[in-house]
Amino acid sequence: MANGRRTAEEIRNSAGHLADRVVGDMSEFTDKAKRALGGAGDFANDVAHNVTRSGKKASKFVVREVREHPLRTLAIGAAVGAVVAAVIMLRNKSDEE
């Protein structure tokens, strides 16, 4: 019976070592996942910051251009409107046929 007890004890020890390894591996995996996601969060924050900064620059540029060249801005707006209207009219015409 001593062999039977020793074998059961060895199995318990082996299972304990295996559980410890699994816990260690999962902890390492969790740390890697946290680092990866943390990096993704940092990247997303950087992109959001750059987009915000670029949007503010573009807004300032447009305001400055409108103030300095109001007639040119009006002409560009009218031209863009005419092109959009022409595209819509052509699209509607082709849908009717």
PDB file of N, CA and C in Angstrom:
ATOM      1  N   MET A   1       0.811  -1.183   0.000  1.00  0.00           N
ATOM      2  CA  MET A   1       0.000   0.000   0.000  1.00  0.00           C
ATOM      3  C   MET A   1       0.861   1.256   0.000  1.00  0.00           C
ATOM      4  N   ALA A   2       2.081   1.141   0.517  1.00  0.00           N
ATOM      5  CA  ALA A   2       2.971   2.288   0.552  1.00  0.00           C
ATOM      6  C   ALA A   2       3.241   2.778  -0.859  1.00  0.00           C
ATOM      7  N   ASN A   3       3.404   1.838  -1.813  1.00  0.00           N
ATOM      8  CA  ASN A   3       3.615   2.234  -3.203  1.00  0.00           C
ATOM      9  C   ASN A   3       2.409   2.968  -3.752  1.00  0.00           C
ATOM     10  N   GLY A   4       1.219   2.495  -3.394  1.00  0.00           N
ATOM     11  CA  GLY A   4      -0.011   3.142  -3.840  1.00  0.00           C
ATOM     12  C   GLY A   4      -0.105   4.563  -3.311  1.00  0.00           C
ATOM     13  N   ARG A   5       0.250   4.792  -2.048  1.00  0.00           N
ATOM     14  CA  ARG A   5       0.210   6.132  -1.465  1.00  0.00           C
ATOM     15  C   ARG A   5       1.270   7.036  -2.104  1.00  0.00           C
ATOM     16  N   ARG A   6       2.427   6.475  -2.287  1.00  0.00           N
ATOM     17  CA  ARG A   6       3.494   7.265  -2.890  1.00  0.00           C
ATOM     18  C   ARG A   6       3.101   7.668  -4.310  1.00  0.00           C
ATOM     19  N   THR A   7       2.505   6.783  -5.044  1.00  0.00           N
ATOM     20  CA  THR A   7       2.072   7.088  -6.399  1.00  0.00           C
ATOM     21  C   THR A   7       1.001   8.166  -6.382  1.00  0.00           C
ATOM     22  N   ALA A   8       0.061   8.080  -5.485  1.00  0.00           N
ATOM     23  CA  ALA A   8      -0.983   9.101  -5.384  1.00  0.00           C
ATOM     24  C   ALA A   8      -0.367  10.445  -4.991  1.00  0.00           C
ATOM     25  N   GLU A   9       0.603  10.398  -4.074  1.00  0.00           N
ATOM     26  CA  GLU A   9       1.286  11.629  -3.668  1.00  0.00           C
ATOM     27  C   GLU A   9       2.081  12.211  -4.834  1.00  0.00           C
ATOM     28  N   GLU A  10       2.738  11.365  -5.599  1.00  0.00           N
ATOM     29  CA  GLU A  10       3.474  11.836  -6.763  1.00  0.00           C
ATOM     30  C   GLU A  10       2.528  12.454  -7.790  1.00  0.00           C
ATOM     31  N   ILE A  11       1.374  11.836  -7.961  1.00  0.00           N
ATOM     32  CA  ILE A  11       0.391  12.370  -8.907  1.00  0.00           C
ATOM     33  C   ILE A  11      -0.096  13.735  -8.436  1.00  0.00           C
ATOM     34  N   ARG A  12      -0.384  13.860  -7.118  1.00  0.00           N
ATOM     35  CA  ARG A  12      -0.809  15.152  -6.574  1.00  0.00           C
ATOM     36  C   ARG A  12       0.274  16.207  -6.784  1.00  0.00           C
ATOM     37  N   ASN A  13       1.523  15.841  -6.522  1.00  0.00           N
ATOM     38  CA  ASN A  13       2.632  16.777  -6.714  1.00  0.00           C
ATOM     39  C   ASN A  13       2.771  17.157  -8.191  1.00  0.00           C
ATOM     40  N   SER A  14       2.669  16.155  -9.050  1.00  0.00           N
ATOM     41  CA  SER A  14       2.779  16.404 -10.477  1.00  0.00           C
ATOM     42  C   SER A  14       1.643  17.312 -10.948  1.00  0.00           C
ATOM     43  N   ALA A  15       0.438  17.047 -10.450  1.00  0.00           N
ATOM     44  CA  ALA A  15      -0.706  17.891 -10.816  1.00  0.00           C
ATOM     45  C   ALA A  15      -0.511  19.297 -10.276  1.00  0.00           C
ATOM     46  N   GLY A  16       0.030  19.398  -9.070  1.00  0.00           N
ATOM     47  CA  GLY A  16       0.300  20.719  -8.496  1.00  0.00           C
ATOM     48  C   GLY A  16       1.321  21.484  -9.319  1.00  0.00           C
ATOM     49  N   HIS A  17       2.389  20.802  -9.754  1.00  0.00           N
ATOM     50  CA  HIS A  17       3.404  21.450 -10.591  1.00  0.00           C
ATOM     51  C   HIS A  17       2.800  21.867 -11.938  1.00  0.00           C
ATOM     52  N   LEU A  18       1.967  21.003 -12.493  1.00  0.00           N
ATOM     53  CA  LEU A  18       1.321  21.314 -13.762  1.00  0.00           C
ATOM     54  C   LEU A  18       0.406  22.535 -13.600  1.00  0.00           C
ATOM     55  N   ALA A  19      -0.359  22.576 -12.521  1.00  0.00           N
ATOM     56  CA  ALA A  19      -1.241  23.722 -12.272  1.00  0.00           C
ATOM     57  C   ALA A  19      -0.425  25.004 -12.107  1.00  0.00           C
ATOM     58  N   ASP A  20       0.703  24.896 -11.388  1.00  0.00           N
ATOM     59  CA  ASP A  20       1.564  26.070 -11.227  1.00  0.00           C
ATOM     60  C   ASP A  20       2.095  26.555 -12.572  1.00  0.00           C
ATOM     61  N   ARG A  21       2.472  25.622 -13.440  1.00  0.00           N
ATOM     62  CA  ARG A  21       2.959  26.002 -14.775  1.00  0.00           C
ATOM     63  C   ARG A  21       1.871  26.681 -15.587  1.00  0.00           C
ATOM     64  N   VAL A  22       0.655  26.122 -15.522  1.00  0.00           N
ATOM     65  CA  VAL A  22      -0.464  26.702 -16.266  1.00  0.00           C
ATOM     66  C   VAL A  22      -0.740  28.115 -15.769  1.00  0.00           C
ATOM     67  N   VAL A  23      -0.748  28.290 -14.444  1.00  0.00           N
ATOM     68  CA  VAL A  23      -0.977  29.615 -13.869  1.00  0.00           C
ATOM     69  C   VAL A  23       0.119  30.582 -14.319  1.00  0.00           C
ATOM     70  N   GLY A  24       1.364  30.129 -14.298  1.00  0.00           N
ATOM     71  CA  GLY A  24       2.471  30.972 -14.738  1.00  0.00           C
ATOM     72  C   GLY A  24       2.358  31.342 -16.210  1.00  0.00           C
ATOM     73  N   ASP A  25       2.024  30.342 -17.037  1.00  0.00           N
ATOM     74  CA  ASP A  25       1.872  30.610 -18.469  1.00  0.00           C
ATOM     75  C   ASP A  25       0.718  31.576 -18.729  1.00  0.00           C
ATOM     76  N   MET A  26      -0.394  31.381 -18.030  1.00  0.00           N
ATOM     77  CA  MET A  26      -1.540  32.275 -18.214  1.00  0.00           C
ATOM     78  C   MET A  26      -1.205  33.689 -17.735  1.00  0.00           C
ATOM     79  N   SER A  27      -0.452  33.793 -16.668  1.00  0.00           N
ATOM     80  CA  SER A  27      -0.047  35.102 -16.174  1.00  0.00           C
ATOM     81  C   SER A  27       0.834  35.804 -17.201  1.00  0.00           C
ATOM     82  N   GLU A  28       1.749  35.057 -17.787  1.00  0.00           N
ATOM     83  CA  GLU A  28       2.629  35.617 -18.819  1.00  0.00           C
ATOM     84  C   GLU A  28       1.812  36.036 -20.039  1.00  0.00           C
ATOM     85  N   PHE A  29       0.855  35.197 -20.434  1.00  0.00           N
ATOM     86  CA  PHE A  29      -0.011  35.518 -21.568  1.00  0.00           C
ATOM     87  C   PHE A  29      -0.831  36.775 -21.276  1.00  0.00           C
ATOM     88  N   THR A  30      -1.348  36.888 -20.066  1.00  0.00           N
ATOM     89  CA  THR A  30      -2.125  38.058 -19.670  1.00  0.00           C
ATOM     90  C   THR A  30      -1.271  39.314 -19.723  1.00  0.00           C
ATOM     91  N   ASP A  31      -0.047  39.223 -19.244  1.00  0.00           N
ATOM     92  CA  ASP A  31       0.855  40.379 -19.292  1.00  0.00           C
ATOM     93  C   ASP A  31       1.136  40.798 -20.735  1.00  0.00           C
ATOM     94  N   LYS A  32       1.363  39.813 -21.610  1.00  0.00           N
ATOM     95  CA  LYS A  32       1.608  40.129 -23.018  1.00  0.00           C
ATOM     96  C   LYS A  32       0.378  40.788 -23.641  1.00  0.00           C
ATOM     97  N   ALA A  33      -0.805  40.264 -23.333  1.00  0.00           N
ATOM     98  CA  ALA A  33      -2.030  40.839 -23.884  1.00  0.00           C
ATOM     99  C   ALA A  33      -2.229  42.266 -23.391  1.00  0.00           C
ATOM    100  N   LYS A  34      -1.956  42.500 -22.113  1.00  0.00           N
ATOM    101  CA  LYS A  34      -2.086  43.858 -21.567  1.00  0.00           C
ATOM    102  C   LYS A  34      -1.122  44.811 -22.260  1.00  0.00           C
ATOM    103  N   ARG A  35       0.111  44.357 -22.493  1.00  0.00           N
ATOM    104  CA  ARG A  35       1.085  45.213 -23.179  1.00  0.00           C
ATOM    105  C   ARG A  35       0.638  45.501 -24.607  1.00  0.00           C
ATOM    106  N   ALA A  36       0.130  44.473 -25.290  1.00  0.00           N
ATOM    107  CA  ALA A  36      -0.311  44.662 -26.676  1.00  0.00           C
ATOM    108  C   ALA A  36      -1.491  45.618 -26.741  1.00  0.00           C
ATOM    109  N   LEU A  37      -2.458  45.427 -25.863  1.00  0.00           N
ATOM    110  CA  LEU A  37      -3.627  46.299 -25.863  1.00  0.00           C
ATOM    111  C   LEU A  37      -3.262  47.700 -25.397  1.00  0.00           C
ATOM    112  N   GLY A  38      -2.344  47.782 -24.471  1.00  0.00           N
ATOM    113  CA  GLY A  38      -1.890  49.100 -24.020  1.00  0.00           C
ATOM    114  C   GLY A  38      -1.247  49.852 -25.163  1.00  0.00           C
ATOM    115  N   GLY A  39      -0.478  49.160 -25.966  1.00  0.00           N
ATOM    116  CA  GLY A  39       0.142  49.776 -27.133  1.00  0.00           C
ATOM    117  C   GLY A  39      -0.908  50.218 -28.140  1.00  0.00           C
ATOM    118  N   ALA A  40      -1.951  49.412 -28.318  1.00  0.00           N
ATOM    119  CA  ALA A  40      -3.020  49.781 -29.247  1.00  0.00           C
ATOM    120  C   ALA A  40      -3.752  51.011 -28.737  1.00  0.00           C
ATOM    121  N   GLY A  41      -3.965  51.069 -27.424  1.00  0.00           N
ATOM    122  CA  GLY A  41      -4.619  52.245 -26.841  1.00  0.00           C
ATOM    123  C   GLY A  41      -3.776  53.492 -27.016  1.00  0.00           C
ATOM    124  N   ASP A  42      -2.480  53.354 -26.811  1.00  0.00           N
ATOM    125  CA  ASP A  42      -1.578  54.492 -27.009  1.00  0.00           C
ATOM    126  C   ASP A  42      -1.600  54.948 -28.462  1.00  0.00           C
ATOM    127  N   PHE A  43      -1.607  53.985 -29.378  1.00  0.00           N
ATOM    128  CA  PHE A  43      -1.644  54.305 -30.806  1.00  0.00           C
ATOM    129  C   PHE A  43      -2.946  55.032 -31.152  1.00  0.00           C
ATOM    130  N   ALA A  44      -4.069  54.533 -30.622  1.00  0.00           N
ATOM    131  CA  ALA A  44      -5.362  55.175 -30.887  1.00  0.00           C
ATOM    132  C   ALA A  44      -5.384  56.592 -30.330  1.00  0.00           C
ATOM    133  N   ASN A  45      -4.817  56.790 -29.155  1.00  0.00           N
ATOM    134  CA  ASN A  45      -4.748  58.142 -28.585  1.00  0.00           C
ATOM    135  C   ASN A  45      -3.896  59.063 -29.449  1.00  0.00           C
ATOM    136  N   ASP A  46      -2.779  58.547 -29.951  1.00  0.00           N
ATOM    137  CA  ASP A  46      -1.921  59.352 -30.829  1.00  0.00           C
ATOM    138  C   ASP A  46      -2.651  59.736 -32.109  1.00  0.00           C
ATOM    139  N   VAL A  47      -3.359  58.778 -32.699  1.00  0.00           N
ATOM    140  CA  VAL A  47      -4.106  59.052 -33.932  1.00  0.00           C
ATOM    141  C   VAL A  47      -5.185  60.095 -33.666  1.00  0.00           C
ATOM    142  N   ALA A  48      -5.918  59.932 -32.571  1.00  0.00           N
ATOM    143  CA  ALA A  48      -6.974  60.894 -32.236  1.00  0.00           C
ATOM    144  C   ALA A  48      -6.390  62.289 -32.028  1.00  0.00           C
ATOM    145  N   HIS A  49      -5.254  62.352 -31.347  1.00  0.00           N
ATOM    146  CA  HIS A  49      -4.602  63.649 -31.117  1.00  0.00           C
ATOM    147  C   HIS A  49      -4.185  64.283 -32.443  1.00  0.00           C
ATOM    148  N   ASN A  50      -3.585  63.488 -33.335  1.00  0.00           N
ATOM    149  CA  ASN A  50      -3.144  64.007 -34.630  1.00  0.00           C
ATOM    150  C   ASN A  50      -4.326  64.455 -35.488  1.00  0.00           C
ATOM    151  N   VAL A  51      -5.418  63.702 -35.454  1.00  0.00           N
ATOM    152  CA  VAL A  51      -6.609  64.071 -36.227  1.00  0.00           C
ATOM    153  C   VAL A  51      -7.179  65.380 -35.705  1.00  0.00           C
ATOM    154  N   THR A  52      -7.248  65.504 -34.392  1.00  0.00           N
ATOM    155  CA  THR A  52      -7.761  66.738 -33.793  1.00  0.00           C
ATOM    156  C   THR A  52      -6.888  67.926 -34.174  1.00  0.00           C
ATOM    157  N   ARG A  53      -5.585  67.744 -34.067  1.00  0.00           N
ATOM    158  CA  ARG A  53      -4.654  68.822 -34.407  1.00  0.00           C
ATOM    159  C   ARG A  53      -4.762  69.188 -35.888  1.00  0.00           C
ATOM    160  N   SER A  54      -4.849  68.193 -36.761  1.00  0.00           N
ATOM    161  CA  SER A  54      -4.977  68.455 -38.197  1.00  0.00           C
ATOM    162  C   SER A  54      -6.301  69.140 -38.516  1.00  0.00           C
ATOM    163  N   GLY A  55      -7.359  68.742 -37.842  1.00  0.00           N
ATOM    164  CA  GLY A  55      -8.657  69.373 -38.052  1.00  0.00           C
ATOM    165  C   GLY A  55      -8.644  70.837 -37.655  1.00  0.00           C
ATOM    166  N   LYS A  56      -7.995  71.137 -36.543  1.00  0.00           N
ATOM    167  CA  LYS A  56      -7.888  72.533 -36.106  1.00  0.00           C
ATOM    168  C   LYS A  56      -7.074  73.355 -37.104  1.00  0.00           C
ATOM    169  N   LYS A  57      -5.974  72.764 -37.609  1.00  0.00           N
ATOM    170  CA  LYS A  57      -5.158  73.470 -38.610  1.00  0.00           C
ATOM    171  C   LYS A  57      -5.966  73.731 -39.875  1.00  0.00           C
ATOM    172  N   ALA A  58      -6.705  72.725 -40.327  1.00  0.00           N
ATOM    173  CA  ALA A  58      -7.508  72.883 -41.543  1.00  0.00           C
ATOM    174  C   ALA A  58      -8.581  73.944 -41.335  1.00  0.00           C
ATOM    175  N   SER A  59      -9.200  73.937 -40.171  1.00  0.00           N
ATOM    176  CA  SER A  59     -10.230  74.930 -39.881  1.00  0.00           C
ATOM    177  C   SER A  59      -9.656  76.343 -39.901  1.00  0.00           C
ATOM    178  N   LYS A  60      -8.507  76.520 -39.281  1.00  0.00           N
ATOM    179  CA  LYS A  60      -7.858  77.838 -39.277  1.00  0.00           C
ATOM    180  C   LYS A  60      -7.499  78.270 -40.693  1.00  0.00           C
ATOM    181  N   PHE A  61      -7.014  77.320 -41.509  1.00  0.00           N
ATOM    182  CA  PHE A  61      -6.648  77.627 -42.888  1.00  0.00           C
ATOM    183  C   PHE A  61      -7.877  78.092 -43.681  1.00  0.00           C
ATOM    184  N   VAL A  62      -8.983  77.365 -43.539  1.00  0.00           N
ATOM    185  CA  VAL A  62     -10.199  77.716 -44.278  1.00  0.00           C
ATOM    186  C   VAL A  62     -10.704  79.090 -43.855  1.00  0.00           C
ATOM    187  N   VAL A  63     -10.725  79.343 -42.555  1.00  0.00           N
ATOM    188  CA  VAL A  63     -11.186  80.645 -42.068  1.00  0.00           C
ATOM    189  C   VAL A  63     -10.293  81.757 -42.625  1.00  0.00           C
ATOM    190  N   ARG A  64      -8.987  81.543 -42.600  1.00  0.00           N
ATOM    191  CA  ARG A  64      -8.064  82.555 -43.108  1.00  0.00           C
ATOM    192  C   ARG A  64      -8.264  82.788 -44.609  1.00  0.00           C
ATOM    193  N   GLU A  65      -8.423  81.711 -45.368  1.00  0.00           N
ATOM    194  CA  GLU A  65      -8.629  81.841 -46.814  1.00  0.00           C
ATOM    195  C   GLU A  65      -9.930  82.574 -47.131  1.00  0.00           C
ATOM    196  N   VAL A  66     -10.991  82.268 -46.389  1.00  0.00           N
ATOM    197  CA  VAL A  66     -12.274  82.930 -46.632  1.00  0.00           C
ATOM    198  C   VAL A  66     -12.149  84.417 -46.329  1.00  0.00           C
ATOM    199  N   ARG A  67     -11.461  84.761 -45.264  1.00  0.00           N
ATOM    200  CA  ARG A  67     -11.286  86.173 -44.910  1.00  0.00           C
ATOM    201  C   ARG A  67     -10.416  86.914 -45.927  1.00  0.00           C
ATOM    202  N   GLU A  68      -9.351  86.269 -46.383  1.00  0.00           N
ATOM    203  CA  GLU A  68      -8.424  86.930 -47.305  1.00  0.00           C
ATOM    204  C   GLU A  68      -8.927  86.953 -48.745  1.00  0.00           C
ATOM    205  N   HIS A  69      -9.691  85.940 -49.151  1.00  0.00           N
ATOM    206  CA  HIS A  69     -10.143  85.821 -50.548  1.00  0.00           C
ATOM    207  C   HIS A  69     -11.622  85.433 -50.599  1.00  0.00           C
ATOM    208  N   PRO A  70     -12.509  86.301 -50.172  1.00  0.00           N
ATOM    209  CA  PRO A  70     -13.931  85.928 -50.121  1.00  0.00           C
ATOM    210  C   PRO A  70     -14.529  85.644 -51.501  1.00  0.00           C
ATOM    211  N   LEU A  71     -14.150  86.399 -52.511  1.00  0.00           N
ATOM    212  CA  LEU A  71     -14.725  86.176 -53.842  1.00  0.00           C
ATOM    213  C   LEU A  71     -14.237  84.853 -54.448  1.00  0.00           C
ATOM    214  N   ARG A  72     -12.951  84.560 -54.252  1.00  0.00           N
ATOM    215  CA  ARG A  72     -12.422  83.284 -54.755  1.00  0.00           C
ATOM    216  C   ARG A  72     -13.135  82.129 -54.058  1.00  0.00           C
ATOM    217  N   THR A  73     -13.334  82.253 -52.755  1.00  0.00           N
ATOM    218  CA  THR A  73     -14.011  81.206 -51.987  1.00  0.00           C
ATOM    219  C   THR A  73     -15.438  81.026 -52.487  1.00  0.00           C
ATOM    220  N   LEU A  74     -16.115  82.142 -52.744  1.00  0.00           N
ATOM    221  CA  LEU A  74     -17.481  82.081 -53.264  1.00  0.00           C
ATOM    222  C   LEU A  74     -17.507  81.411 -54.636  1.00  0.00           C
ATOM    223  N   ALA A  75     -16.546  81.741 -55.496  1.00  0.00           N
ATOM    224  CA  ALA A  75     -16.478  81.143 -56.829  1.00  0.00           C
ATOM    225  C   ALA A  75     -16.210  79.644 -56.750  1.00  0.00           C
ATOM    226  N   ILE A  76     -15.318  79.245 -55.875  1.00  0.00           N
ATOM    227  CA  ILE A  76     -15.023  77.810 -55.711  1.00  0.00           C
ATOM    228  C   ILE A  76     -16.265  77.083 -55.208  1.00  0.00           C
ATOM    229  N   GLY A  77     -16.960  77.683 -54.231  1.00  0.00           N
ATOM    230  CA  GLY A  77     -18.179  77.065 -53.702  1.00  0.00           C
ATOM    231  C   GLY A  77     -19.248  76.926 -54.776  1.00  0.00           C
ATOM    232  N   ALA A  78     -19.383  77.954 -55.606  1.00  0.00           N
ATOM    233  CA  ALA A  78     -20.369  77.905 -56.688  1.00  0.00           C
ATOM    234  C   ALA A  78     -20.002  76.832 -57.708  1.00  0.00           C
ATOM    235  N   ALA A  79     -18.730  76.726 -58.030  1.00  0.00           N
ATOM    236  CA  ALA A  79     -18.283  75.716 -58.990  1.00  0.00           C
ATOM    237  C   ALA A  79     -18.523  74.303 -58.459  1.00  0.00           C
ATOM    238  N   VAL A  80     -18.209  74.092 -57.208  1.00  0.00           N
ATOM    239  CA  VAL A  80     -18.434  72.775 -56.604  1.00  0.00           C
ATOM    240  C   VAL A  80     -19.930  72.467 -56.599  1.00  0.00           C
ATOM    241  N   GLY A  81     -20.749  73.462 -56.247  1.00  0.00           N
ATOM    242  CA  GLY A  81     -22.198  73.267 -56.259  1.00  0.00           C
ATOM    243  C   GLY A  81     -22.720  72.926 -57.642  1.00  0.00           C
ATOM    244  N   ALA A  82     -22.188  73.600 -58.673  1.00  0.00           N
ATOM    245  CA  ALA A  82     -22.617  73.334 -60.047  1.00  0.00           C
ATOM    246  C   ALA A  82     -22.249  71.917 -60.475  1.00  0.00           C
ATOM    247  N   VAL A  83     -21.066  71.478 -60.108  1.00  0.00           N
ATOM    248  CA  VAL A  83     -20.634  70.115 -60.456  1.00  0.00           C
ATOM    249  C   VAL A  83     -21.519  69.087 -59.757  1.00  0.00           C
ATOM    250  N   VAL A  84     -21.801  69.304 -58.491  1.00  0.00           N
ATOM    251  CA  VAL A  84     -22.653  68.373 -57.745  1.00  0.00           C
ATOM    252  C   VAL A  84     -24.048  68.345 -58.365  1.00  0.00           C
ATOM    253  N   ALA A  85     -24.590  69.509 -58.686  1.00  0.00           N
ATOM    254  CA  ALA A  85     -25.919  69.567 -59.312  1.00  0.00           C
ATOM    255  C   ALA A  85     -25.927  68.841 -60.655  1.00  0.00           C
ATOM    256  N   ALA A  86     -24.879  69.014 -61.454  1.00  0.00           N
ATOM    257  CA  ALA A  86     -24.800  68.344 -62.753  1.00  0.00           C
ATOM    258  C   ALA A  86     -24.750  66.832 -62.586  1.00  0.00           C
ATOM    259  N   VAL A  87     -23.986  66.359 -61.638  1.00  0.00           N
ATOM    260  CA  VAL A  87     -23.886  64.917 -61.396  1.00  0.00           C
ATOM    261  C   VAL A  87     -25.241  64.365 -60.965  1.00  0.00           C
ATOM    262  N   ILE A  88     -25.927  65.079 -60.094  1.00  0.00           N
ATOM    263  CA  ILE A  88     -27.242  64.622 -59.636  1.00  0.00           C
ATOM    264  C   ILE A  88     -28.226  64.591 -60.799  1.00  0.00           C
ATOM    265  N   MET A  89     -28.208  65.633 -61.630  1.00  0.00           N
ATOM    266  CA  MET A  89     -29.121  65.675 -62.777  1.00  0.00           C
ATOM    267  C   MET A  89     -28.831  64.542 -63.749  1.00  0.00           C
ATOM    268  N   LEU A  90     -27.554  64.277 -64.026  1.00  0.00           N
ATOM    269  CA  LEU A  90     -27.200  63.177 -64.936  1.00  0.00           C
ATOM    270  C   LEU A  90     -27.597  61.833 -64.345  1.00  0.00           C
ATOM    271  N   ARG A  91     -27.431  61.687 -63.068  1.00  0.00           N
ATOM    272  CA  ARG A  91     -27.793  60.425 -62.406  1.00  0.00           C
ATOM    273  C   ARG A  91     -29.299  60.213 -62.470  1.00  0.00           C
ATOM    274  N   ASN A  92     -30.070  61.275 -62.199  1.00  0.00           N
ATOM    275  CA  ASN A  92     -31.524  61.158 -62.268  1.00  0.00           C
ATOM    276  C   ASN A  92     -31.991  60.866 -63.689  1.00  0.00           C
ATOM    277  N   LYS A  93     -31.341  61.496 -64.670  1.00  0.00           N
ATOM    278  CA  LYS A  93     -31.700  61.285 -66.071  1.00  0.00           C
ATOM    279  C   LYS A  93     -31.452  59.839 -66.482  1.00  0.00           C
ATOM    280  N   SER A  94     -30.317  59.263 -66.048  1.00  0.00           N
ATOM    281  CA  SER A  94     -30.012  57.866 -66.406  1.00  0.00           C
ATOM    282  C   SER A  94     -30.933  56.883 -65.674  1.00  0.00           C
ATOM    283  N   ASP A  95     -31.416  57.256 -64.483  1.00  0.00           N
ATOM    284  CA  ASP A  95     -32.349  56.392 -63.758  1.00  0.00           C
ATOM    285  C   ASP A  95     -33.720  56.353 -64.427  1.00  0.00           C
ATOM    286  N   GLU A  96     -34.113  57.462 -65.094  1.00  0.00           N
ATOM    287  CA  GLU A  96     -35.414  57.541 -65.744  1.00  0.00           C
ATOM    288  C   GLU A  96     -35.449  56.729 -67.027  1.00  0.00           C
ATOM    289  N   GLU A  97     -34.320  56.535 -67.648  1.00  0.00           N
ATOM    290  CA  GLU A  97     -34.278  55.829 -68.938  1.00  0.00           C
ATOM    291  C   GLU A  97     -34.303  54.362 -68.781  1.00  0.00           C
TER     292      GLU A  97
END
